[in-house]
């Protein structure tokens, strides 16, 4: 009975949500292999949106080895955790293709990390300009307006491809993105909080009025 209670607590979404980021970071670093990327696994992830597809199996040894037992389905249907981590791995694989520098870096700088990354929608906001704003805004609005996770992941793949095309594309915190995708699969309120945060990261800009006000109060 004590074991069952412990398992139940471990399965609580809030607890699992914190672990998603950690296991995703571990999987991404294992795929990058200190500058010697696992090209077969990355190509496997790029080739299919479905974690259960035979084409995705080359990435299973790395990804599944990074997950905790509570994240596994044990029933053949991907869990919310597996879906979230695979989504991040696939987006990382798209971004990493043709890159020498690791496409992933945590947005929260840690001692063992040489560089600091950027959350995806902040990176897109920095890339946004007069030439691409209309196309980018359309895709971002499509992400923010739907509750269908498959549709969101499809649009995110397009956004990553657009970002990757930039010569100054930053390293992205794909571990945080996995945590967000996990949250999208939970309750309506949680999903709305994530969409609002993404919208704020993308659409908010420090206006001249904000800068002027800051100088006035300085």
N, C-alpha and C. Protein backbone atom coordinates (compact mmCIF):
# COMPACT_ATOMS: atom_id res chain seq x y z
N UNK A 1 0.83 -1.21 0.00
CA UNK A 1 0.00 0.00 0.00
C UNK A 1 0.87 1.25 0.00
N UNK A 2 1.96 1.21 0.74
CA UNK A 2 2.87 2.35 0.76
C UNK A 2 3.50 2.57 -0.61
N UNK A 3 3.80 1.48 -1.31
CA UNK A 3 4.39 1.58 -2.64
C UNK A 3 3.41 2.24 -3.60
N UNK A 4 2.13 1.83 -3.53
CA UNK A 4 1.13 2.40 -4.42
C UNK A 4 0.96 3.90 -4.16
N UNK A 5 0.99 4.30 -2.90
CA UNK A 5 0.87 5.72 -2.58
C UNK A 5 2.04 6.50 -3.12
N UNK A 6 3.25 5.94 -2.98
CA UNK A 6 4.44 6.61 -3.50
C UNK A 6 4.35 6.77 -5.01
N UNK A 7 3.90 5.69 -5.71
CA UNK A 7 3.78 5.74 -7.16
C UNK A 7 2.77 6.79 -7.58
N UNK A 8 1.68 6.89 -6.84
CA UNK A 8 0.66 7.87 -7.18
C UNK A 8 1.21 9.28 -7.07
N UNK A 9 1.97 9.54 -6.04
CA UNK A 9 2.54 10.87 -5.88
C UNK A 9 3.54 11.18 -6.98
N UNK A 10 4.30 10.15 -7.39
CA UNK A 10 5.28 10.35 -8.45
C UNK A 10 4.59 10.63 -9.78
N UNK A 11 3.38 10.16 -9.93
CA UNK A 11 2.67 10.34 -11.19
C UNK A 11 1.92 11.67 -11.25
N UNK A 12 1.90 12.42 -10.19
CA UNK A 12 1.21 13.69 -10.20
C UNK A 12 1.84 14.60 -11.26
N UNK A 13 1.01 15.28 -12.08
CA UNK A 13 1.52 16.09 -13.18
C UNK A 13 2.56 17.13 -12.77
N UNK A 14 2.37 17.80 -11.64
CA UNK A 14 3.30 18.84 -11.25
C UNK A 14 4.69 18.28 -11.00
N UNK A 15 4.76 17.12 -10.35
CA UNK A 15 6.04 16.48 -10.08
C UNK A 15 6.68 16.02 -11.38
N UNK A 16 5.89 15.36 -12.23
CA UNK A 16 6.38 14.86 -13.50
C UNK A 16 6.86 16.00 -14.38
N UNK A 17 6.17 17.13 -14.34
CA UNK A 17 6.51 18.27 -15.18
C UNK A 17 7.95 18.73 -14.94
N UNK A 18 8.39 18.72 -13.71
CA UNK A 18 9.75 19.13 -13.39
C UNK A 18 10.77 18.13 -13.94
N UNK A 19 10.40 16.87 -13.92
CA UNK A 19 11.32 15.83 -14.38
C UNK A 19 11.44 15.80 -15.90
N UNK A 20 10.40 16.23 -16.61
CA UNK A 20 10.41 16.22 -18.06
C UNK A 20 11.60 17.02 -18.59
N UNK A 21 11.81 18.18 -18.03
CA UNK A 21 12.91 19.03 -18.48
C UNK A 21 14.26 18.33 -18.29
N UNK A 22 14.43 17.69 -17.14
CA UNK A 22 15.70 17.04 -16.83
C UNK A 22 15.99 15.87 -17.76
N UNK A 23 15.01 15.01 -17.99
CA UNK A 23 15.26 13.84 -18.84
C UNK A 23 15.43 14.25 -20.30
N UNK A 24 14.72 15.30 -20.72
CA UNK A 24 14.87 15.77 -22.10
C UNK A 24 16.27 16.33 -22.32
N UNK A 25 16.76 17.11 -21.37
CA UNK A 25 18.12 17.65 -21.46
C UNK A 25 19.14 16.52 -21.57
N UNK A 26 18.93 15.48 -20.78
CA UNK A 26 19.83 14.32 -20.81
C UNK A 26 19.80 13.65 -22.19
N UNK A 27 18.62 13.48 -22.75
CA UNK A 27 18.48 12.83 -24.05
C UNK A 27 19.13 13.66 -25.16
N UNK A 28 18.94 14.97 -25.11
CA UNK A 28 19.49 15.85 -26.14
C UNK A 28 21.02 15.85 -26.11
N UNK A 29 21.56 15.88 -24.91
CA UNK A 29 23.03 15.84 -24.79
C UNK A 29 23.58 14.49 -25.27
N UNK A 30 22.84 13.43 -25.00
CA UNK A 30 23.26 12.11 -25.44
C UNK A 30 23.21 12.01 -26.97
N UNK A 31 22.27 12.67 -27.59
CA UNK A 31 22.17 12.67 -29.05
C UNK A 31 23.26 13.52 -29.69
N UNK A 32 23.62 14.61 -29.03
CA UNK A 32 24.66 15.50 -29.57
C UNK A 32 26.06 14.92 -29.38
N UNK A 33 26.26 14.19 -28.32
CA UNK A 33 27.51 13.47 -28.05
C UNK A 33 28.75 14.36 -28.14
N UNK A 34 28.71 15.50 -27.46
CA UNK A 34 29.87 16.39 -27.39
C UNK A 34 30.45 16.72 -28.76
N UNK A 35 29.59 17.04 -29.69
CA UNK A 35 30.05 17.45 -31.01
C UNK A 35 30.15 16.33 -32.03
N UNK A 36 29.74 15.13 -31.65
CA UNK A 36 29.72 14.00 -32.58
C UNK A 36 28.30 13.42 -32.61
N UNK A 37 27.39 14.18 -33.23
CA UNK A 37 25.96 13.82 -33.18
C UNK A 37 25.67 12.40 -33.66
N UNK A 38 24.67 11.81 -33.02
CA UNK A 38 24.17 10.50 -33.43
C UNK A 38 23.28 10.73 -34.66
N UNK A 39 23.91 10.74 -35.82
CA UNK A 39 23.20 11.13 -37.05
C UNK A 39 22.06 10.17 -37.40
N UNK A 40 22.24 8.89 -37.13
CA UNK A 40 21.18 7.92 -37.44
C UNK A 40 19.94 8.17 -36.59
N UNK A 41 20.14 8.42 -35.31
CA UNK A 41 19.01 8.67 -34.41
C UNK A 41 18.33 9.99 -34.75
N UNK A 42 19.12 11.02 -35.06
CA UNK A 42 18.55 12.32 -35.39
C UNK A 42 17.77 12.26 -36.71
N UNK A 43 18.30 11.53 -37.68
CA UNK A 43 17.58 11.37 -38.94
C UNK A 43 16.28 10.60 -38.72
N UNK A 44 16.32 9.63 -37.82
CA UNK A 44 15.13 8.86 -37.48
C UNK A 44 14.05 9.77 -36.90
N UNK A 45 14.44 10.66 -36.00
CA UNK A 45 13.47 11.56 -35.37
C UNK A 45 12.90 12.55 -36.38
N UNK A 46 13.74 13.01 -37.30
CA UNK A 46 13.27 13.97 -38.31
C UNK A 46 12.27 13.33 -39.27
N UNK A 47 12.38 12.02 -39.46
CA UNK A 47 11.63 11.36 -40.53
C UNK A 47 10.15 11.13 -40.21
N UNK A 48 9.77 11.24 -38.95
CA UNK A 48 8.37 10.94 -38.60
C UNK A 48 7.91 11.73 -37.38
N UNK A 49 6.65 12.10 -37.40
CA UNK A 49 6.07 12.79 -36.25
C UNK A 49 5.61 11.82 -35.17
N UNK A 50 5.52 10.54 -35.54
CA UNK A 50 4.97 9.53 -34.63
C UNK A 50 6.06 8.79 -33.87
N UNK A 51 5.99 8.83 -32.56
CA UNK A 51 6.96 8.14 -31.71
C UNK A 51 6.86 6.63 -31.87
N UNK A 52 5.68 6.13 -32.23
CA UNK A 52 5.48 4.69 -32.36
C UNK A 52 5.81 4.16 -33.76
N UNK A 53 6.14 5.04 -34.68
CA UNK A 53 6.47 4.62 -36.03
C UNK A 53 7.77 3.81 -36.05
N UNK A 54 7.84 2.76 -36.88
CA UNK A 54 9.09 2.02 -37.02
C UNK A 54 10.27 2.92 -37.41
N UNK A 55 9.97 4.00 -38.13
CA UNK A 55 11.05 4.91 -38.54
C UNK A 55 11.64 5.67 -37.36
N UNK A 56 10.92 5.73 -36.24
CA UNK A 56 11.42 6.45 -35.06
C UNK A 56 12.25 5.55 -34.15
N UNK A 57 12.32 4.28 -34.48
CA UNK A 57 12.93 3.33 -33.54
C UNK A 57 14.42 3.54 -33.32
N UNK A 58 15.12 4.17 -34.26
CA UNK A 58 16.56 4.41 -34.08
C UNK A 58 16.83 5.38 -32.94
N UNK A 59 15.83 6.20 -32.58
CA UNK A 59 16.03 7.15 -31.49
C UNK A 59 15.58 6.57 -30.14
N UNK A 60 14.88 5.47 -30.16
CA UNK A 60 14.37 4.86 -28.92
C UNK A 60 15.47 4.53 -27.91
N UNK A 61 16.58 3.90 -28.30
CA UNK A 61 17.59 3.54 -27.29
C UNK A 61 18.09 4.72 -26.48
N UNK A 62 18.26 5.86 -27.13
CA UNK A 62 18.75 7.06 -26.42
C UNK A 62 17.64 7.69 -25.60
N UNK A 63 16.48 7.87 -26.21
CA UNK A 63 15.40 8.59 -25.54
C UNK A 63 14.80 7.79 -24.39
N UNK A 64 14.47 6.53 -24.64
CA UNK A 64 13.82 5.73 -23.61
C UNK A 64 14.75 5.49 -22.42
N UNK A 65 16.05 5.41 -22.68
CA UNK A 65 17.01 5.21 -21.59
C UNK A 65 17.08 6.42 -20.68
N UNK A 66 16.62 7.57 -21.17
CA UNK A 66 16.65 8.80 -20.38
C UNK A 66 15.41 8.98 -19.50
N UNK A 67 14.33 8.25 -19.80
CA UNK A 67 13.07 8.42 -19.09
C UNK A 67 13.06 7.68 -17.76
N UNK A 68 12.23 8.16 -16.85
CA UNK A 68 12.02 7.46 -15.58
C UNK A 68 10.96 6.37 -15.81
N UNK A 69 10.89 5.35 -14.96
CA UNK A 69 9.88 4.29 -15.14
C UNK A 69 8.44 4.82 -15.19
N UNK A 70 8.18 5.89 -14.42
CA UNK A 70 6.83 6.43 -14.37
C UNK A 70 6.41 7.13 -15.67
N UNK A 71 7.38 7.43 -16.53
CA UNK A 71 7.06 8.09 -17.80
C UNK A 71 6.72 7.11 -18.90
N UNK A 72 7.01 5.83 -18.69
CA UNK A 72 6.77 4.82 -19.70
C UNK A 72 5.31 4.37 -19.69
N UNK A 73 4.81 3.98 -20.84
CA UNK A 73 3.40 3.62 -20.94
C UNK A 73 3.11 2.21 -20.40
N UNK A 74 3.98 1.25 -20.71
CA UNK A 74 3.80 -0.16 -20.34
C UNK A 74 2.58 -0.77 -21.00
N UNK A 75 1.90 -0.01 -21.89
CA UNK A 75 0.67 -0.51 -22.52
C UNK A 75 0.67 -0.31 -24.04
N UNK A 76 1.74 0.26 -24.57
CA UNK A 76 1.83 0.43 -26.01
C UNK A 76 1.26 1.73 -26.55
N UNK A 77 0.66 2.54 -25.68
CA UNK A 77 0.17 3.86 -26.07
C UNK A 77 1.06 4.91 -25.44
N UNK A 78 1.68 5.80 -26.25
CA UNK A 78 2.61 6.79 -25.70
C UNK A 78 1.97 7.63 -24.59
N UNK A 79 2.69 7.82 -23.51
CA UNK A 79 2.22 8.68 -22.43
C UNK A 79 2.42 10.14 -22.81
N UNK A 80 1.86 11.03 -22.01
CA UNK A 80 2.05 12.46 -22.23
C UNK A 80 3.53 12.82 -22.14
N UNK A 81 4.24 12.15 -21.24
CA UNK A 81 5.67 12.40 -21.08
C UNK A 81 6.44 11.95 -22.31
N UNK A 82 6.17 10.76 -22.82
CA UNK A 82 6.85 10.26 -24.02
C UNK A 82 6.57 11.16 -25.22
N UNK A 83 5.32 11.58 -25.35
CA UNK A 83 4.95 12.47 -26.45
C UNK A 83 5.71 13.78 -26.37
N UNK A 84 5.83 14.34 -25.17
CA UNK A 84 6.50 15.63 -24.98
C UNK A 84 7.99 15.53 -25.26
N UNK A 85 8.62 14.50 -24.73
CA UNK A 85 10.07 14.36 -24.91
C UNK A 85 10.39 14.07 -26.37
N UNK A 86 9.61 13.21 -27.01
CA UNK A 86 9.86 12.92 -28.43
C UNK A 86 9.66 14.17 -29.28
N UNK A 87 8.66 14.96 -28.97
CA UNK A 87 8.42 16.20 -29.73
C UNK A 87 9.65 17.10 -29.66
N UNK A 88 10.21 17.25 -28.46
CA UNK A 88 11.40 18.09 -28.30
C UNK A 88 12.60 17.50 -29.03
N UNK A 89 12.75 16.19 -28.95
CA UNK A 89 13.86 15.52 -29.65
C UNK A 89 13.73 15.74 -31.16
N UNK A 90 12.52 15.61 -31.68
CA UNK A 90 12.32 15.79 -33.12
C UNK A 90 12.60 17.22 -33.56
N UNK A 91 12.14 18.19 -32.80
CA UNK A 91 12.39 19.60 -33.14
C UNK A 91 13.88 19.92 -33.04
N UNK A 92 14.52 19.36 -32.04
CA UNK A 92 15.98 19.50 -31.91
C UNK A 92 16.67 18.91 -33.12
N UNK A 93 16.23 17.74 -33.57
CA UNK A 93 16.84 17.06 -34.72
C UNK A 93 16.69 17.91 -35.98
N UNK A 94 15.55 18.54 -36.15
CA UNK A 94 15.33 19.43 -37.30
C UNK A 94 16.30 20.61 -37.25
N UNK A 95 16.42 21.20 -36.08
CA UNK A 95 17.29 22.36 -35.88
C UNK A 95 18.76 21.97 -36.02
N UNK A 96 19.12 20.81 -35.53
CA UNK A 96 20.53 20.39 -35.48
C UNK A 96 21.09 20.02 -36.85
N UNK A 97 20.24 19.64 -37.77
CA UNK A 97 20.71 19.18 -39.08
C UNK A 97 21.59 20.23 -39.75
N UNK A 98 22.80 19.84 -40.10
CA UNK A 98 23.72 20.75 -40.78
C UNK A 98 24.42 21.74 -39.87
N UNK A 99 24.20 21.63 -38.55
CA UNK A 99 24.80 22.55 -37.60
C UNK A 99 25.97 21.88 -36.89
N UNK A 100 27.03 22.65 -36.62
CA UNK A 100 28.15 22.10 -35.86
C UNK A 100 27.98 22.36 -34.36
N UNK A 101 27.40 23.52 -34.03
CA UNK A 101 27.14 23.86 -32.64
C UNK A 101 25.84 23.20 -32.19
N UNK A 102 25.80 22.77 -30.95
CA UNK A 102 24.58 22.14 -30.43
C UNK A 102 23.40 23.10 -30.52
N UNK A 103 22.29 22.64 -31.08
CA UNK A 103 21.11 23.47 -31.24
C UNK A 103 20.38 23.69 -29.92
N UNK A 104 20.73 22.90 -28.91
CA UNK A 104 20.10 23.02 -27.58
C UNK A 104 21.04 23.66 -26.58
N UNK A 105 20.49 24.54 -25.76
CA UNK A 105 21.17 25.06 -24.57
C UNK A 105 20.07 25.53 -23.62
N UNK A 106 20.23 25.32 -22.33
CA UNK A 106 19.19 25.74 -21.38
C UNK A 106 19.09 27.26 -21.28
N UNK A 107 17.86 27.75 -21.18
CA UNK A 107 17.65 29.19 -21.02
C UNK A 107 18.09 29.66 -19.64
N UNK A 108 18.04 28.76 -18.68
CA UNK A 108 18.53 29.05 -17.33
C UNK A 108 19.97 28.56 -17.26
N UNK A 109 20.90 29.49 -17.18
CA UNK A 109 22.32 29.13 -17.24
C UNK A 109 22.72 28.32 -16.01
N UNK A 110 23.46 27.24 -16.28
CA UNK A 110 23.95 26.37 -15.22
C UNK A 110 25.47 26.29 -15.30
N UNK A 111 26.10 25.92 -14.20
CA UNK A 111 27.55 25.92 -14.12
C UNK A 111 28.22 25.05 -15.18
N UNK A 112 27.60 23.93 -15.51
CA UNK A 112 28.23 23.02 -16.46
C UNK A 112 27.87 23.32 -17.91
N UNK A 113 27.17 24.44 -18.14
CA UNK A 113 26.80 24.82 -19.49
C UNK A 113 27.62 26.04 -19.93
N UNK A 114 28.29 25.90 -21.06
CA UNK A 114 29.15 26.98 -21.54
C UNK A 114 28.34 28.13 -22.13
N UNK A 115 27.16 27.84 -22.64
CA UNK A 115 26.35 28.87 -23.26
C UNK A 115 24.93 28.86 -22.71
N UNK A 116 24.22 29.93 -22.98
CA UNK A 116 22.84 30.06 -22.52
C UNK A 116 21.92 30.08 -23.73
N UNK A 117 20.88 29.29 -23.67
CA UNK A 117 19.93 29.23 -24.77
C UNK A 117 18.77 30.21 -24.59
N UNK A 118 17.81 30.10 -25.51
CA UNK A 118 16.64 30.97 -25.53
C UNK A 118 15.40 30.12 -25.71
N UNK A 119 14.33 30.46 -25.03
CA UNK A 119 13.08 29.73 -25.25
C UNK A 119 12.61 30.01 -26.68
N UNK A 120 11.94 29.03 -27.28
CA UNK A 120 11.63 29.06 -28.71
C UNK A 120 10.91 30.33 -29.13
N UNK A 121 9.88 30.74 -28.40
CA UNK A 121 9.08 31.88 -28.85
C UNK A 121 9.82 33.20 -28.64
N UNK A 122 10.74 33.25 -27.70
CA UNK A 122 11.61 34.43 -27.58
C UNK A 122 12.57 34.49 -28.75
N UNK A 123 13.08 33.34 -29.15
CA UNK A 123 13.97 33.27 -30.30
C UNK A 123 13.25 33.72 -31.58
N UNK A 124 12.00 33.28 -31.73
CA UNK A 124 11.21 33.69 -32.90
C UNK A 124 10.94 35.19 -32.88
N UNK A 125 10.70 35.73 -31.70
CA UNK A 125 10.47 37.18 -31.57
C UNK A 125 11.70 37.97 -32.00
N UNK A 126 12.87 37.48 -31.66
CA UNK A 126 14.11 38.16 -32.03
C UNK A 126 14.37 38.05 -33.53
N UNK A 127 13.88 36.98 -34.14
CA UNK A 127 14.05 36.76 -35.58
C UNK A 127 13.03 37.55 -36.40
N UNK A 128 11.96 37.94 -35.78
CA UNK A 128 10.84 38.62 -36.45
C UNK A 128 11.28 39.97 -37.00
N UNK A 129 10.96 40.24 -38.28
CA UNK A 129 11.27 41.53 -38.89
C UNK A 129 10.21 41.87 -39.93
N UNK A 130 10.40 42.99 -40.61
CA UNK A 130 9.40 43.45 -41.57
C UNK A 130 9.21 42.47 -42.72
N UNK A 131 10.25 41.74 -43.07
CA UNK A 131 10.18 40.83 -44.21
C UNK A 131 9.43 39.54 -43.88
N UNK A 132 9.58 39.04 -42.64
CA UNK A 132 8.98 37.74 -42.32
C UNK A 132 7.84 37.81 -41.31
N UNK A 133 7.53 39.01 -40.82
CA UNK A 133 6.57 39.15 -39.74
C UNK A 133 5.21 38.56 -40.08
N UNK A 134 4.71 38.81 -41.27
CA UNK A 134 3.37 38.34 -41.62
C UNK A 134 3.30 36.81 -41.61
N UNK A 135 4.29 36.17 -42.21
CA UNK A 135 4.29 34.70 -42.25
C UNK A 135 4.49 34.10 -40.86
N UNK A 136 5.41 34.69 -40.09
CA UNK A 136 5.66 34.20 -38.74
C UNK A 136 4.44 34.38 -37.86
N UNK A 137 3.84 35.56 -37.89
CA UNK A 137 2.67 35.84 -37.07
C UNK A 137 1.54 34.86 -37.37
N UNK A 138 1.37 34.54 -38.63
CA UNK A 138 0.30 33.62 -39.03
C UNK A 138 0.52 32.24 -38.42
N UNK A 139 1.73 31.76 -38.45
CA UNK A 139 2.02 30.44 -37.89
C UNK A 139 1.93 30.46 -36.37
N UNK A 140 2.40 31.52 -35.73
CA UNK A 140 2.33 31.60 -34.28
C UNK A 140 0.87 31.66 -33.83
N UNK A 141 0.07 32.44 -34.52
CA UNK A 141 -1.36 32.52 -34.17
C UNK A 141 -2.03 31.16 -34.34
N UNK A 142 -1.60 30.41 -35.33
CA UNK A 142 -2.16 29.07 -35.53
C UNK A 142 -1.83 28.17 -34.35
N UNK A 143 -0.62 28.29 -33.81
CA UNK A 143 -0.23 27.51 -32.63
C UNK A 143 -1.07 27.90 -31.42
N UNK A 144 -1.24 29.20 -31.24
CA UNK A 144 -1.90 29.70 -30.03
C UNK A 144 -3.41 29.50 -30.05
N UNK A 145 -3.98 29.29 -31.23
CA UNK A 145 -5.44 29.24 -31.34
C UNK A 145 -6.02 27.83 -31.29
N UNK A 146 -5.17 26.82 -31.25
CA UNK A 146 -5.69 25.45 -31.27
C UNK A 146 -5.34 24.71 -29.99
N UNK A 147 -6.19 23.78 -29.63
CA UNK A 147 -5.93 22.93 -28.47
C UNK A 147 -5.48 21.54 -28.88
N UNK A 148 -5.38 21.30 -30.20
CA UNK A 148 -4.97 20.00 -30.71
C UNK A 148 -3.45 19.89 -30.68
N UNK A 149 -2.93 18.98 -29.88
CA UNK A 149 -1.49 18.89 -29.68
C UNK A 149 -0.77 18.51 -30.97
N UNK A 150 -1.35 17.60 -31.76
CA UNK A 150 -0.72 17.20 -33.01
C UNK A 150 -0.58 18.39 -33.96
N UNK A 151 -1.61 19.23 -34.02
CA UNK A 151 -1.55 20.42 -34.87
C UNK A 151 -0.50 21.41 -34.36
N UNK A 152 -0.42 21.55 -33.04
CA UNK A 152 0.58 22.44 -32.45
C UNK A 152 1.98 21.97 -32.81
N UNK A 153 2.24 20.68 -32.68
CA UNK A 153 3.57 20.13 -32.96
C UNK A 153 3.92 20.28 -34.43
N UNK A 154 2.93 20.13 -35.29
CA UNK A 154 3.16 20.31 -36.73
C UNK A 154 3.58 21.76 -37.02
N UNK A 155 2.88 22.71 -36.42
CA UNK A 155 3.22 24.12 -36.63
C UNK A 155 4.57 24.47 -36.02
N UNK A 156 4.89 23.87 -34.87
CA UNK A 156 6.18 24.13 -34.25
C UNK A 156 7.32 23.66 -35.14
N UNK A 157 7.12 22.55 -35.84
CA UNK A 157 8.17 22.06 -36.73
C UNK A 157 8.43 23.05 -37.86
N UNK A 158 7.37 23.66 -38.37
CA UNK A 158 7.53 24.69 -39.40
C UNK A 158 8.25 25.92 -38.85
N UNK A 159 7.91 26.30 -37.63
CA UNK A 159 8.55 27.47 -37.01
C UNK A 159 10.03 27.22 -36.77
N UNK A 160 10.39 26.02 -36.35
CA UNK A 160 11.80 25.69 -36.14
C UNK A 160 12.56 25.73 -37.46
N UNK A 161 11.95 25.24 -38.53
CA UNK A 161 12.59 25.29 -39.85
C UNK A 161 12.81 26.73 -40.30
N UNK A 162 11.83 27.59 -40.03
CA UNK A 162 11.98 29.01 -40.37
C UNK A 162 13.11 29.63 -39.57
N UNK A 163 13.14 29.34 -38.28
CA UNK A 163 14.18 29.88 -37.41
C UNK A 163 15.55 29.38 -37.84
N UNK A 164 15.64 28.11 -38.17
CA UNK A 164 16.91 27.51 -38.56
C UNK A 164 17.48 28.17 -39.81
N UNK A 165 16.61 28.65 -40.68
CA UNK A 165 17.06 29.28 -41.92
C UNK A 165 17.82 30.58 -41.67
N UNK A 166 17.65 31.13 -40.48
CA UNK A 166 18.37 32.36 -40.13
C UNK A 166 19.83 32.04 -39.82
N UNK A 167 20.74 32.85 -40.34
CA UNK A 167 22.16 32.64 -40.09
C UNK A 167 22.52 32.92 -38.63
N UNK A 168 21.65 33.64 -37.94
CA UNK A 168 21.92 33.98 -36.54
C UNK A 168 20.96 33.25 -35.59
N UNK A 169 20.48 32.09 -36.01
CA UNK A 169 19.56 31.32 -35.16
C UNK A 169 20.25 30.96 -33.85
N UNK A 170 19.64 31.27 -32.72
CA UNK A 170 20.25 30.98 -31.42
C UNK A 170 20.05 29.53 -31.01
N UNK A 171 20.75 29.12 -29.97
CA UNK A 171 20.48 27.82 -29.37
C UNK A 171 19.16 27.93 -28.62
N UNK A 172 18.35 26.89 -28.72
CA UNK A 172 16.99 26.92 -28.17
C UNK A 172 16.89 25.94 -27.00
N UNK A 173 16.12 26.33 -26.00
CA UNK A 173 15.90 25.47 -24.83
C UNK A 173 14.79 24.46 -25.16
N UNK A 174 15.18 23.37 -25.83
CA UNK A 174 14.19 22.35 -26.20
C UNK A 174 13.73 21.53 -25.01
N UNK A 175 14.50 21.52 -23.94
CA UNK A 175 14.05 20.82 -22.73
C UNK A 175 12.86 21.56 -22.10
N UNK A 176 12.92 22.89 -22.11
CA UNK A 176 11.78 23.68 -21.63
C UNK A 176 10.57 23.47 -22.53
N UNK A 177 10.82 23.36 -23.83
CA UNK A 177 9.73 23.15 -24.76
C UNK A 177 9.04 21.81 -24.49
N UNK A 178 9.82 20.79 -24.15
CA UNK A 178 9.23 19.50 -23.79
C UNK A 178 8.33 19.65 -22.57
N UNK A 179 8.78 20.40 -21.59
CA UNK A 179 7.98 20.64 -20.39
C UNK A 179 6.68 21.34 -20.75
N UNK A 180 6.75 22.29 -21.70
CA UNK A 180 5.54 22.99 -22.14
C UNK A 180 4.58 22.05 -22.86
N UNK A 181 5.12 21.21 -23.73
CA UNK A 181 4.27 20.27 -24.48
C UNK A 181 3.60 19.28 -23.53
N UNK A 182 4.31 18.89 -22.49
CA UNK A 182 3.69 18.02 -21.47
C UNK A 182 2.51 18.75 -20.82
N UNK A 183 2.71 20.01 -20.47
CA UNK A 183 1.64 20.78 -19.85
C UNK A 183 0.43 20.97 -20.75
N UNK A 184 0.67 21.09 -22.06
CA UNK A 184 -0.43 21.24 -23.01
C UNK A 184 -1.37 20.04 -23.00
N UNK A 185 -0.84 18.90 -22.59
CA UNK A 185 -1.63 17.66 -22.59
C UNK A 185 -2.36 17.43 -21.27
N UNK A 186 -2.21 18.35 -20.34
CA UNK A 186 -2.88 18.23 -19.06
C UNK A 186 -4.24 18.92 -19.12
N UNK A 187 -4.59 19.72 -18.14
CA UNK A 187 -5.92 20.32 -18.15
C UNK A 187 -5.97 21.63 -18.94
N UNK A 188 -7.19 22.09 -19.16
CA UNK A 188 -7.43 23.29 -20.00
C UNK A 188 -6.74 24.52 -19.43
N UNK A 189 -6.80 24.70 -18.11
CA UNK A 189 -6.19 25.86 -17.48
C UNK A 189 -4.67 25.87 -17.68
N UNK A 190 -4.06 24.72 -17.50
CA UNK A 190 -2.61 24.59 -17.65
C UNK A 190 -2.20 24.91 -19.10
N UNK A 191 -2.95 24.36 -20.05
CA UNK A 191 -2.66 24.61 -21.46
C UNK A 191 -2.79 26.09 -21.80
N UNK A 192 -3.81 26.74 -21.25
CA UNK A 192 -3.99 28.17 -21.49
C UNK A 192 -2.86 29.00 -20.93
N UNK A 193 -2.34 28.62 -19.78
CA UNK A 193 -1.21 29.33 -19.19
C UNK A 193 0.02 29.25 -20.09
N UNK A 194 0.24 28.10 -20.68
CA UNK A 194 1.39 27.92 -21.58
C UNK A 194 1.21 28.75 -22.85
N UNK A 195 0.00 28.73 -23.41
CA UNK A 195 -0.24 29.52 -24.62
C UNK A 195 -0.07 31.01 -24.35
N UNK A 196 -0.52 31.47 -23.19
CA UNK A 196 -0.35 32.88 -22.84
C UNK A 196 1.14 33.23 -22.72
N UNK A 197 1.91 32.36 -22.08
CA UNK A 197 3.34 32.62 -21.92
C UNK A 197 4.04 32.67 -23.27
N UNK A 198 3.67 31.75 -24.17
CA UNK A 198 4.24 31.77 -25.51
C UNK A 198 3.88 33.06 -26.23
N UNK A 199 2.62 33.47 -26.11
CA UNK A 199 2.18 34.70 -26.76
C UNK A 199 2.91 35.92 -26.23
N UNK A 200 3.10 35.96 -24.92
CA UNK A 200 3.83 37.08 -24.32
C UNK A 200 5.28 37.09 -24.81
N UNK A 201 5.90 35.94 -24.86
CA UNK A 201 7.29 35.87 -25.32
C UNK A 201 7.43 36.34 -26.76
N UNK A 202 6.45 36.05 -27.58
CA UNK A 202 6.55 36.37 -29.00
C UNK A 202 6.10 37.80 -29.32
N UNK A 203 4.97 38.22 -28.78
CA UNK A 203 4.37 39.50 -29.20
C UNK A 203 4.84 40.70 -28.38
N UNK A 204 5.27 40.48 -27.11
CA UNK A 204 5.67 41.63 -26.30
C UNK A 204 6.98 42.21 -26.79
N UNK A 205 7.00 43.52 -26.90
CA UNK A 205 8.22 44.22 -27.28
C UNK A 205 8.40 45.41 -26.35
N UNK A 206 9.64 45.69 -26.00
CA UNK A 206 9.92 46.85 -25.16
C UNK A 206 9.74 48.10 -26.01
N UNK A 207 8.65 48.82 -25.79
CA UNK A 207 8.34 49.99 -26.62
C UNK A 207 9.14 51.20 -26.18
N UNK A 208 9.14 52.20 -27.01
CA UNK A 208 9.84 53.44 -26.68
C UNK A 208 9.21 54.10 -25.46
N UNK A 209 7.89 53.89 -25.27
CA UNK A 209 7.22 54.45 -24.10
C UNK A 209 7.75 53.81 -22.82
N UNK A 210 7.97 52.49 -22.87
CA UNK A 210 8.50 51.78 -21.71
C UNK A 210 9.89 52.26 -21.38
N UNK A 211 10.71 52.45 -22.42
CA UNK A 211 12.08 52.92 -22.21
C UNK A 211 12.10 54.32 -21.64
N UNK A 212 11.18 55.20 -22.19
CA UNK A 212 11.11 56.58 -21.72
C UNK A 212 10.68 56.63 -20.27
N UNK A 213 9.68 55.81 -19.92
CA UNK A 213 9.19 55.77 -18.55
C UNK A 213 10.29 55.35 -17.59
N UNK A 214 11.10 54.36 -18.05
CA UNK A 214 12.20 53.90 -17.21
C UNK A 214 13.20 54.99 -16.94
N UNK A 215 13.48 55.81 -17.97
CA UNK A 215 14.43 56.90 -17.78
C UNK A 215 13.86 57.98 -16.88
N UNK A 216 12.54 58.19 -16.97
CA UNK A 216 11.90 59.22 -16.16
C UNK A 216 11.99 58.90 -14.69
N UNK A 217 11.82 57.57 -14.37
CA UNK A 217 11.81 57.16 -12.98
C UNK A 217 13.21 56.84 -12.45
N UNK A 218 14.20 56.93 -13.33
CA UNK A 218 15.57 56.61 -12.93
C UNK A 218 16.13 57.67 -12.00
